[in-house]
Amino acid sequence: MTYRYFNPKARRNTGGKTAAVLRYDSSTDKAPVVIAQGKGHVARQIIEMAKAHDIPMQEDPLLVENLIDMDLGENVPPQLYSVIAEVLLMIEDMEKKA
């Protein structure tokens, strides 16, 4: 049996950009799902791809700090719903203006 220990605080303090991608489809998903995440070079690639495809982005250091510690494919916990709701409302407003 292999045990793996890590320090989440040290893991977050790697410096550079951090990004997380959420998917939410109200017809299929019960909650938003983390589908991609990364730090440094990977985060920059995620951001560049989002810009290239006109995908709305929201900068929220506290939210991304929580999302980066989650496993891919994991549902966002209820404790983060209010923050996610704000992001979804921002996206809805942006889509109405476009």
N, C-alpha and C. Protein backbone atom coordinates (compact mmCIF):
# COMPACT_ATOMS: atom_id res chain seq x y z
N MET A 1 0.84 -1.16 0.00
CA MET A 1 0.00 0.00 0.00
C MET A 1 0.89 1.23 0.00
N THR A 2 0.53 2.19 -0.82
CA THR A 2 1.30 3.41 -0.93
C THR A 2 0.52 4.56 -0.32
N TYR A 3 1.17 5.30 0.54
CA TYR A 3 0.56 6.48 1.13
C TYR A 3 1.18 7.71 0.49
N ARG A 4 0.32 8.65 0.21
CA ARG A 4 0.81 9.88 -0.39
C ARG A 4 0.27 11.05 0.42
N TYR A 5 1.17 11.86 0.89
CA TYR A 5 0.80 13.03 1.67
C TYR A 5 1.23 14.27 0.89
N PHE A 6 0.44 15.28 1.01
CA PHE A 6 0.82 16.54 0.38
C PHE A 6 0.31 17.68 1.23
N ASN A 7 0.90 18.81 1.01
CA ASN A 7 0.53 20.01 1.72
C ASN A 7 -0.24 20.90 0.74
N PRO A 8 -1.58 20.96 0.85
CA PRO A 8 -2.36 21.74 -0.11
C PRO A 8 -1.95 23.20 -0.17
N LYS A 9 -1.57 23.78 0.96
CA LYS A 9 -1.17 25.19 0.95
C LYS A 9 0.10 25.37 0.12
N ALA A 10 1.09 24.51 0.32
CA ALA A 10 2.32 24.60 -0.47
C ALA A 10 2.04 24.30 -1.94
N ARG A 11 1.11 23.40 -2.19
CA ARG A 11 0.74 23.05 -3.56
C ARG A 11 0.19 24.27 -4.29
N ARG A 12 -0.57 25.10 -3.60
CA ARG A 12 -1.16 26.29 -4.22
C ARG A 12 -0.14 27.39 -4.44
N ASN A 13 0.91 27.45 -3.64
CA ASN A 13 1.88 28.53 -3.70
C ASN A 13 3.01 28.27 -4.69
N THR A 14 2.70 27.71 -5.83
CA THR A 14 3.73 27.43 -6.82
C THR A 14 4.06 28.66 -7.66
N GLY A 15 3.27 29.70 -7.55
CA GLY A 15 3.52 30.91 -8.32
C GLY A 15 2.94 30.78 -9.71
N GLY A 16 2.82 31.90 -10.39
CA GLY A 16 2.28 31.89 -11.74
C GLY A 16 0.76 31.79 -11.75
N LYS A 17 0.25 31.61 -12.94
CA LYS A 17 -1.20 31.54 -13.14
C LYS A 17 -1.77 30.21 -12.69
N THR A 18 -3.02 30.24 -12.33
CA THR A 18 -3.78 29.05 -11.99
C THR A 18 -5.14 29.19 -12.67
N ALA A 19 -5.64 28.09 -13.25
CA ALA A 19 -6.92 28.14 -13.94
C ALA A 19 -7.69 26.85 -13.72
N ALA A 20 -9.00 26.99 -13.70
CA ALA A 20 -9.89 25.83 -13.60
C ALA A 20 -11.05 26.06 -14.56
N VAL A 21 -11.53 24.98 -15.15
CA VAL A 21 -12.62 25.06 -16.12
C VAL A 21 -13.80 24.27 -15.58
N LEU A 22 -14.97 24.91 -15.63
CA LEU A 22 -16.19 24.26 -15.18
C LEU A 22 -17.13 24.02 -16.35
N ARG A 23 -17.90 22.95 -16.24
CA ARG A 23 -18.97 22.68 -17.21
C ARG A 23 -20.26 22.60 -16.41
N TYR A 24 -21.29 23.24 -16.95
CA TYR A 24 -22.60 23.10 -16.34
C TYR A 24 -23.66 23.15 -17.42
N ASP A 25 -24.39 22.06 -17.55
CA ASP A 25 -25.51 21.97 -18.47
C ASP A 25 -26.71 21.57 -17.62
N SER A 26 -27.65 22.49 -17.45
CA SER A 26 -28.76 22.23 -16.54
C SER A 26 -29.60 21.03 -16.94
N SER A 27 -29.53 20.64 -18.21
CA SER A 27 -30.33 19.49 -18.65
C SER A 27 -29.66 18.15 -18.32
N THR A 28 -28.34 18.15 -18.11
CA THR A 28 -27.64 16.88 -17.86
C THR A 28 -26.87 16.84 -16.55
N ASP A 29 -26.43 17.98 -16.06
CA ASP A 29 -25.60 18.02 -14.86
C ASP A 29 -26.42 18.41 -13.63
N LYS A 30 -26.16 17.73 -12.52
CA LYS A 30 -26.81 18.08 -11.26
C LYS A 30 -26.12 19.29 -10.63
N ALA A 31 -24.84 19.43 -10.89
CA ALA A 31 -24.03 20.53 -10.35
C ALA A 31 -22.92 20.82 -11.33
N PRO A 32 -22.29 22.00 -11.24
CA PRO A 32 -21.12 22.27 -12.09
C PRO A 32 -20.03 21.23 -11.84
N VAL A 33 -19.30 20.89 -12.90
CA VAL A 33 -18.27 19.86 -12.84
C VAL A 33 -16.93 20.46 -13.25
N VAL A 34 -15.87 20.13 -12.53
CA VAL A 34 -14.52 20.57 -12.90
C VAL A 34 -14.04 19.67 -14.04
N ILE A 35 -13.78 20.27 -15.21
CA ILE A 35 -13.36 19.46 -16.35
C ILE A 35 -11.91 19.70 -16.77
N ALA A 36 -11.30 20.74 -16.26
CA ALA A 36 -9.88 21.00 -16.54
C ALA A 36 -9.34 21.92 -15.46
N GLN A 37 -8.05 21.78 -15.21
CA GLN A 37 -7.40 22.66 -14.24
C GLN A 37 -5.90 22.61 -14.48
N GLY A 38 -5.22 23.66 -14.09
CA GLY A 38 -3.78 23.66 -14.27
C GLY A 38 -3.13 24.87 -13.65
N LYS A 39 -1.82 24.77 -13.56
CA LYS A 39 -1.00 25.86 -13.03
C LYS A 39 0.12 26.14 -14.02
N GLY A 40 0.66 27.34 -13.93
CA GLY A 40 1.80 27.70 -14.76
C GLY A 40 1.48 27.62 -16.25
N HIS A 41 2.28 26.84 -16.97
CA HIS A 41 2.14 26.72 -18.42
C HIS A 41 0.77 26.18 -18.82
N VAL A 42 0.28 25.18 -18.11
CA VAL A 42 -1.03 24.59 -18.41
C VAL A 42 -2.13 25.63 -18.22
N ALA A 43 -2.04 26.42 -17.16
CA ALA A 43 -3.03 27.47 -16.91
C ALA A 43 -3.01 28.50 -18.04
N ARG A 44 -1.82 28.87 -18.48
CA ARG A 44 -1.73 29.84 -19.59
C ARG A 44 -2.37 29.27 -20.85
N GLN A 45 -2.18 27.98 -21.12
CA GLN A 45 -2.80 27.35 -22.29
C GLN A 45 -4.32 27.34 -22.16
N ILE A 46 -4.83 27.03 -20.98
CA ILE A 46 -6.27 27.04 -20.75
C ILE A 46 -6.83 28.44 -21.03
N ILE A 47 -6.17 29.46 -20.52
CA ILE A 47 -6.62 30.84 -20.71
C ILE A 47 -6.56 31.23 -22.18
N GLU A 48 -5.49 30.87 -22.86
CA GLU A 48 -5.36 31.18 -24.30
C GLU A 48 -6.46 30.51 -25.11
N MET A 49 -6.76 29.25 -24.80
CA MET A 49 -7.82 28.53 -25.51
C MET A 49 -9.18 29.16 -25.26
N ALA A 50 -9.42 29.58 -24.04
CA ALA A 50 -10.70 30.23 -23.71
C ALA A 50 -10.84 31.53 -24.50
N LYS A 51 -9.77 32.32 -24.56
CA LYS A 51 -9.80 33.56 -25.32
C LYS A 51 -10.01 33.30 -26.80
N ALA A 52 -9.33 32.30 -27.34
CA ALA A 52 -9.43 31.97 -28.76
C ALA A 52 -10.85 31.53 -29.14
N HIS A 53 -11.56 30.92 -28.20
CA HIS A 53 -12.91 30.41 -28.49
C HIS A 53 -14.00 31.29 -27.87
N ASP A 54 -13.62 32.50 -27.46
CA ASP A 54 -14.56 33.46 -26.86
C ASP A 54 -15.36 32.86 -25.70
N ILE A 55 -14.69 32.10 -24.86
CA ILE A 55 -15.32 31.52 -23.68
C ILE A 55 -15.16 32.52 -22.54
N PRO A 56 -16.27 32.89 -21.91
CA PRO A 56 -16.18 33.87 -20.81
C PRO A 56 -15.32 33.35 -19.67
N MET A 57 -14.57 34.26 -19.07
CA MET A 57 -13.71 33.92 -17.94
C MET A 57 -14.01 34.85 -16.78
N GLN A 58 -13.80 34.33 -15.60
CA GLN A 58 -13.99 35.12 -14.38
C GLN A 58 -12.76 34.93 -13.51
N GLU A 59 -12.18 36.02 -13.05
CA GLU A 59 -11.04 35.92 -12.14
C GLU A 59 -11.55 35.96 -10.71
N ASP A 60 -11.32 34.89 -9.99
CA ASP A 60 -11.72 34.80 -8.59
C ASP A 60 -10.70 33.91 -7.89
N PRO A 61 -9.67 34.50 -7.29
CA PRO A 61 -8.60 33.72 -6.68
C PRO A 61 -9.08 32.71 -5.63
N LEU A 62 -10.04 33.10 -4.82
CA LEU A 62 -10.54 32.19 -3.79
C LEU A 62 -11.25 30.98 -4.41
N LEU A 63 -12.05 31.23 -5.45
CA LEU A 63 -12.76 30.15 -6.11
C LEU A 63 -11.78 29.19 -6.79
N VAL A 64 -10.84 29.72 -7.55
CA VAL A 64 -9.90 28.85 -8.25
C VAL A 64 -9.02 28.09 -7.26
N GLU A 65 -8.73 28.68 -6.13
CA GLU A 65 -7.96 28.00 -5.08
C GLU A 65 -8.70 26.74 -4.62
N ASN A 66 -10.02 26.84 -4.49
CA ASN A 66 -10.81 25.68 -4.10
C ASN A 66 -10.96 24.68 -5.23
N LEU A 67 -11.14 25.16 -6.44
CA LEU A 67 -11.36 24.27 -7.58
C LEU A 67 -10.10 23.49 -7.97
N ILE A 68 -8.94 24.09 -7.78
CA ILE A 68 -7.69 23.44 -8.19
C ILE A 68 -7.39 22.22 -7.32
N ASP A 69 -7.93 22.19 -6.11
CA ASP A 69 -7.71 21.05 -5.22
C ASP A 69 -8.69 19.91 -5.47
N MET A 70 -9.64 20.11 -6.37
CA MET A 70 -10.63 19.08 -6.66
C MET A 70 -10.13 18.14 -7.76
N ASP A 71 -10.68 16.94 -7.81
CA ASP A 71 -10.35 16.00 -8.86
C ASP A 71 -11.15 16.34 -10.12
N LEU A 72 -10.57 16.05 -11.28
CA LEU A 72 -11.29 16.26 -12.54
C LEU A 72 -12.53 15.37 -12.56
N GLY A 73 -13.62 15.92 -13.05
CA GLY A 73 -14.87 15.18 -13.11
C GLY A 73 -15.69 15.26 -11.84
N GLU A 74 -15.15 15.91 -10.83
CA GLU A 74 -15.84 16.01 -9.53
C GLU A 74 -16.84 17.17 -9.57
N ASN A 75 -18.01 16.95 -8.97
CA ASN A 75 -19.01 18.02 -8.86
C ASN A 75 -18.53 19.08 -7.87
N VAL A 76 -18.85 20.32 -8.17
CA VAL A 76 -18.53 21.41 -7.27
C VAL A 76 -19.36 21.23 -6.00
N PRO A 77 -18.74 21.37 -4.82
CA PRO A 77 -19.49 21.17 -3.57
C PRO A 77 -20.50 22.30 -3.34
N PRO A 78 -21.57 21.99 -2.63
CA PRO A 78 -22.61 23.00 -2.36
C PRO A 78 -22.08 24.28 -1.71
N GLN A 79 -20.99 24.19 -0.96
CA GLN A 79 -20.44 25.38 -0.31
C GLN A 79 -20.01 26.45 -1.32
N LEU A 80 -19.74 26.04 -2.56
CA LEU A 80 -19.29 26.98 -3.59
C LEU A 80 -20.41 27.41 -4.53
N TYR A 81 -21.62 26.93 -4.32
CA TYR A 81 -22.71 27.24 -5.25
C TYR A 81 -22.97 28.73 -5.40
N SER A 82 -22.92 29.50 -4.32
CA SER A 82 -23.22 30.93 -4.42
C SER A 82 -22.20 31.65 -5.29
N VAL A 83 -20.95 31.27 -5.18
CA VAL A 83 -19.90 31.89 -6.00
C VAL A 83 -20.08 31.48 -7.46
N ILE A 84 -20.36 30.19 -7.68
CA ILE A 84 -20.57 29.69 -9.05
C ILE A 84 -21.79 30.36 -9.65
N ALA A 85 -22.84 30.58 -8.87
CA ALA A 85 -24.05 31.24 -9.37
C ALA A 85 -23.72 32.64 -9.87
N GLU A 86 -22.86 33.36 -9.16
CA GLU A 86 -22.44 34.69 -9.60
C GLU A 86 -21.72 34.61 -10.95
N VAL A 87 -20.87 33.62 -11.12
CA VAL A 87 -20.15 33.45 -12.39
C VAL A 87 -21.15 33.15 -13.51
N LEU A 88 -22.09 32.25 -13.26
CA LEU A 88 -23.08 31.89 -14.28
C LEU A 88 -23.95 33.09 -14.66
N LEU A 89 -24.31 33.92 -13.68
CA LEU A 89 -25.08 35.14 -13.98
C LEU A 89 -24.26 36.11 -14.82
N MET A 90 -22.97 36.22 -14.53
CA MET A 90 -22.10 37.09 -15.32
C MET A 90 -22.05 36.60 -16.77
N ILE A 91 -21.94 35.29 -16.96
CA ILE A 91 -21.90 34.72 -18.31
C ILE A 91 -23.22 34.97 -19.03
N GLU A 92 -24.32 34.79 -18.32
CA GLU A 92 -25.63 35.02 -18.93
C GLU A 92 -25.77 36.48 -19.38
N ASP A 93 -25.31 37.42 -18.56
CA ASP A 93 -25.35 38.84 -18.94
C ASP A 93 -24.49 39.10 -20.18
N MET A 94 -23.33 38.47 -20.24
CA MET A 94 -22.43 38.66 -21.38
C MET A 94 -23.08 38.10 -22.66
N GLU A 95 -23.76 36.96 -22.55
CA GLU A 95 -24.40 36.36 -23.72
C GLU A 95 -25.57 37.22 -24.21
N LYS A 96 -26.30 37.86 -23.30
CA LYS A 96 -27.41 38.73 -23.68
C LYS A 96 -26.91 39.96 -24.43
N LYS A 97 -25.74 40.47 -24.03
CA LYS A 97 -25.18 41.67 -24.67
C LYS A 97 -24.59 41.37 -26.04
N ALA A 98 -24.21 40.11 -26.28
CA ALA A 98 -23.56 39.75 -27.54
C ALA A 98 -24.56 39.63 -28.67
